[in-house]
C-alpha atoms as a PDB file:
ATOM      1  CA  MET A   1      23.420 -14.686 -19.237  1.00  0.00           C
ATOM      2  CA  LYS A   2      25.739 -17.509 -18.295  1.00  0.00           C
ATOM      3  CA  GLN A   3      25.852 -16.156 -14.839  1.00  0.00           C
ATOM      4  CA  VAL A   4      22.281 -15.898 -13.985  1.00  0.00           C
ATOM      5  CA  PHE A   5      21.217 -18.505 -11.485  1.00  0.00           C
ATOM      6  CA  SER A   6      18.152 -20.361 -12.937  1.00  0.00           C
ATOM      7  CA  HIS A   7      16.700 -23.136 -11.117  1.00  0.00           C
ATOM      8  CA  PRO A   8      13.064 -24.291 -11.160  1.00  0.00           C
ATOM      9  CA  ASP A   9      12.598 -24.108  -7.266  1.00  0.00           C
ATOM     10  CA  VAL A  10      14.229 -20.486  -7.207  1.00  0.00           C
ATOM     11  CA  GLU A  11      11.851 -19.533 -10.242  1.00  0.00           C
ATOM     12  CA  GLN A  12       9.076 -20.867  -8.440  1.00  0.00           C
ATOM     13  CA  LEU A  13       9.564 -18.944  -5.434  1.00  0.00           C
ATOM     14  CA  GLU A  14      10.353 -15.636  -7.581  1.00  0.00           C
ATOM     15  CA  LEU A  15       6.938 -16.271  -9.009  1.00  0.00           C
ATOM     16  CA  GLN A  16       5.091 -16.634  -5.888  1.00  0.00           C
ATOM     17  CA  GLY A  17       6.782 -13.709  -4.624  1.00  0.00           C
ATOM     18  CA  TYR A  18       5.528 -11.857  -7.370  1.00  0.00           C
ATOM     19  CA  ARG A  19       1.859 -13.044  -6.966  1.00  0.00           C
ATOM     20  CA  VAL A  20       2.003 -12.116  -3.260  1.00  0.00           C
ATOM     21  CA  ILE A  21       3.189  -8.526  -3.939  1.00  0.00           C
ATOM     22  CA  SER A  22       0.857  -8.042  -6.870  1.00  0.00           C
ATOM     23  CA  GLY A  23      -1.967  -9.323  -4.945  1.00  0.00           C
ATOM     24  CA  LEU A  24      -1.121  -7.135  -1.882  1.00  0.00           C
ATOM     25  CA  LEU A  25      -1.035  -4.040  -4.117  1.00  0.00           C
ATOM     26  CA  ASP A  26      -4.357  -5.030  -5.795  1.00  0.00           C
ATOM     27  CA  ILE A  27      -5.857  -5.305  -2.240  1.00  0.00           C
ATOM     28  CA  TYR A  28      -4.667  -2.091  -1.115  1.00  0.00           C
ATOM     29  CA  GLN A  29      -5.854  -0.492  -4.546  1.00  0.00           C
ATOM     30  CA  PRO A  30      -9.238   0.968  -3.078  1.00  0.00           C
ATOM     31  CA  LEU A  31      -7.110   3.562  -1.125  1.00  0.00           C
ATOM     32  CA  LEU A  32      -5.849   4.910  -4.500  1.00  0.00           C
ATOM     33  CA  LYS A  33      -9.114   5.080  -5.974  1.00  0.00           C
ATOM     34  CA  LEU A  34     -10.381   7.336  -3.443  1.00  0.00           C
ATOM     35  CA  SER A  35     -10.700  11.195  -4.179  1.00  0.00           C
ATOM     36  CA  LEU A  36      -8.269  13.564  -2.321  1.00  0.00           C
ATOM     37  CA  GLU A  37     -11.257  14.652  -0.468  1.00  0.00           C
ATOM     38  CA  ASP A  38     -12.141  11.109   0.787  1.00  0.00           C
ATOM     39  CA  PHE A  39      -8.654  10.180   1.518  1.00  0.00           C
ATOM     40  CA  SER A  40      -8.212  13.345   3.435  1.00  0.00           C
ATOM     41  CA  GLU A  41     -11.063  12.733   5.391  1.00  0.00           C
ATOM     42  CA  LEU A  42      -9.903   8.919   6.117  1.00  0.00           C
ATOM     43  CA  VAL A  43      -6.447  10.332   7.143  1.00  0.00           C
ATOM     44  CA  ALA A  44      -7.839  12.795   9.600  1.00  0.00           C
ATOM     45  CA  GLN A  45     -10.622  10.583  11.102  1.00  0.00           C
ATOM     46  CA  GLU A  46      -8.970   6.873  10.515  1.00  0.00           C
ATOM     47  CA  ARG A  47     -12.553   5.484  10.268  1.00  0.00           C
ATOM     48  CA  VAL A  48     -15.198   6.787   7.799  1.00  0.00           C
ATOM     49  CA  ARG A  49     -18.557   5.132   8.230  1.00  0.00           C
ATOM     50  CA  ARG A  50     -19.350   5.286   4.329  1.00  0.00           C
ATOM     51  CA  LEU A  51     -16.035   3.991   3.377  1.00  0.00           C
ATOM     52  CA  PRO A  52     -15.819   0.802   5.320  1.00  0.00           C
ATOM     53  CA  ILE A  53     -13.372  -1.096   3.204  1.00  0.00           C
ATOM     54  CA  ALA A  54     -10.931   1.785   2.649  1.00  0.00           C
ATOM     55  CA  SER A  55     -11.227   2.639   6.495  1.00  0.00           C
ATOM     56  CA  ARG A  56     -10.320  -1.066   7.321  1.00  0.00           C
ATOM     57  CA  LEU A  57      -7.316  -1.077   4.733  1.00  0.00           C
ATOM     58  CA  TYR A  58      -6.254   2.242   6.167  1.00  0.00           C
ATOM     59  CA  GLN A  59      -6.212   0.992   9.719  1.00  0.00           C
ATOM     60  CA  LYS A  60      -4.083  -2.119   8.611  1.00  0.00           C
ATOM     61  CA  LEU A  61      -1.311   0.407   7.478  1.00  0.00           C
ATOM     62  CA  SER A  62       1.672   0.799  10.002  1.00  0.00           C
ATOM     63  CA  THR A  63       1.215   4.093  12.132  1.00  0.00           C
ATOM     64  CA  ARG A  64       5.014   4.794  11.039  1.00  0.00           C
ATOM     65  CA  HIS A  65       3.993   4.895   7.270  1.00  0.00           C
ATOM     66  CA  ARG A  66       0.720   6.762   8.122  1.00  0.00           C
ATOM     67  CA  LEU A  67       2.717   9.579  10.072  1.00  0.00           C
ATOM     68  CA  ALA A  68       5.475   9.581   7.220  1.00  0.00           C
ATOM     69  CA  TYR A  69       2.446  10.412   4.735  1.00  0.00           C
ATOM     70  CA  VAL A  70       0.901  13.000   6.774  1.00  0.00           C
ATOM     71  CA  GLU A  71       4.314  14.761   7.348  1.00  0.00           C
ATOM     72  CA  ALA A  72       5.208  14.528   3.725  1.00  0.00           C
ATOM     73  CA  VAL A  73       1.892  15.903   2.608  1.00  0.00           C
ATOM     74  CA  ASN A  74       2.032  18.751   5.436  1.00  0.00           C
ATOM     75  CA  LYS A  75       4.995  20.055   3.966  1.00  0.00           C
ATOM     76  CA  LEU A  76       3.118  20.690   0.452  1.00  0.00           C
ATOM     77  CA  ALA A  77       1.602  24.022  -0.241  1.00  0.00           C
ATOM     78  CA  ARG A  78      -2.036  23.116  -0.858  1.00  0.00           C
ATOM     79  CA  THR A  79      -2.694  25.900  -3.035  1.00  0.00           C
ATOM     80  CA  ALA A  80       0.277  24.735  -5.492  1.00  0.00           C
ATOM     81  CA  PRO A  81      -0.885  23.433  -8.829  1.00  0.00           C
ATOM     82  CA  GLU A  82       0.988  20.365  -8.240  1.00  0.00           C
ATOM     83  CA  PHE A  83      -0.522  19.775  -4.777  1.00  0.00           C
ATOM     84  CA  ALA A  84      -3.070  16.882  -6.065  1.00  0.00           C
ATOM     85  CA  LEU A  85      -0.451  14.994  -7.958  1.00  0.00           C
ATOM     86  CA  MET A  86       2.090  15.261  -5.101  1.00  0.00           C
ATOM     87  CA  GLU A  87      -0.354  14.011  -2.620  1.00  0.00           C
ATOM     88  CA  TYR A  88      -1.411  10.996  -4.908  1.00  0.00           C
ATOM     89  CA  TYR A  89       2.496  10.425  -5.287  1.00  0.00           C
ATOM     90  CA  TYR A  90       2.880  10.331  -1.388  1.00  0.00           C
ATOM     91  CA  ARG A  91      -0.272   8.059  -1.195  1.00  0.00           C
ATOM     92  CA  CYS A  92       1.240   5.458  -3.659  1.00  0.00           C
ATOM     93  CA  ARG A  93       4.563   5.801  -1.714  1.00  0.00           C
ATOM     94  CA  LEU A  94       2.448   5.026   1.457  1.00  0.00           C
ATOM     95  CA  ILE A  95       1.202   1.791   0.278  1.00  0.00           C
ATOM     96  CA  GLN A  96       4.453   0.652  -1.717  1.00  0.00           C
ATOM     97  CA  ASP A  97       6.462   1.240   1.563  1.00  0.00           C
ATOM     98  CA  TYR A  98       4.256  -0.717   3.750  1.00  0.00           C
ATOM     99  CA  ILE A  99       4.075  -3.554   1.372  1.00  0.00           C
ATOM    100  CA  SER A 100       7.832  -3.491   0.845  1.00  0.00           C
ATOM    101  CA  GLY A 101       8.845  -3.198   4.434  1.00  0.00           C
ATOM    102  CA  MET A 102       7.299  -6.717   5.105  1.00  0.00           C
ATOM    103  CA  THR A 103       8.963  -9.779   5.498  1.00  0.00           C
ATOM    104  CA  ASP A 104       8.583 -12.602   3.083  1.00  0.00           C
ATOM    105  CA  LEU A 105       6.531 -14.513   5.756  1.00  0.00           C
ATOM    106  CA  TYR A 106       4.614 -11.652   6.975  1.00  0.00           C
ATOM    107  CA  ALA A 107       3.501 -10.652   3.247  1.00  0.00           C
ATOM    108  CA  TRP A 108       2.478 -14.288   2.723  1.00  0.00           C
ATOM    109  CA  ASP A 109       0.401 -14.395   5.801  1.00  0.00           C
ATOM    110  CA  GLU A 110      -1.227 -11.099   4.819  1.00  0.00           C
ATOM    111  CA  TYR A 111      -1.730 -12.280   1.499  1.00  0.00           C
ATOM    112  CA  ARG A 112      -3.533 -15.320   2.649  1.00  0.00           C
ATOM    113  CA  ARG A 113      -5.590 -13.752   5.347  1.00  0.00           C
ATOM    114  CA  LEU A 114      -6.814 -10.536   3.027  1.00  0.00           C
ATOM    115  CA  MET A 115      -7.497 -13.099   0.087  1.00  0.00           C
ATOM    116  CA  ALA A 116      -9.306 -15.480   2.403  1.00  0.00           C
ATOM    117  CA  VAL A 117      -7.074 -18.416   1.274  1.00  0.00           C
ATOM    118  CA  GLU A 118      -6.499 -19.933   4.760  1.00  0.00           C
END
C-alpha cells in the first residue's frame, strides 16, 4: 500500500464520482423494474403513455446504445428458456454502457439535471 496515491482532494473527487455514478444508476432503475413485456413495448414504440417516466428515461439513452440492445436481443431465441434472463442482462448493459460512456462533465451535468440540483 505504499504506492497508493492518497490525497484528500483526490479522495474527494473519487467519492463525488462514486455518488454521481450511483445516482445515475438509481435514476435509470425504473427501466430495470419494468416487466419484459412493458420494456419490449417501450423499445418498439419509444413512448408508452402509461409509462411516462420510463418513456422519458428511455428516450434519453443514446440511439447507438438502444440499437446495440435491440441487435443483441434480436439474436436471442425468444423460445429459449434463458431468454428473459439474457434480455435483462442486455437491458442492464444498455444502461451501464450508456453511463460508462459519459465524460465526467457530462455525467455530472446529467446527474444535476435529473436530480434537480441546479
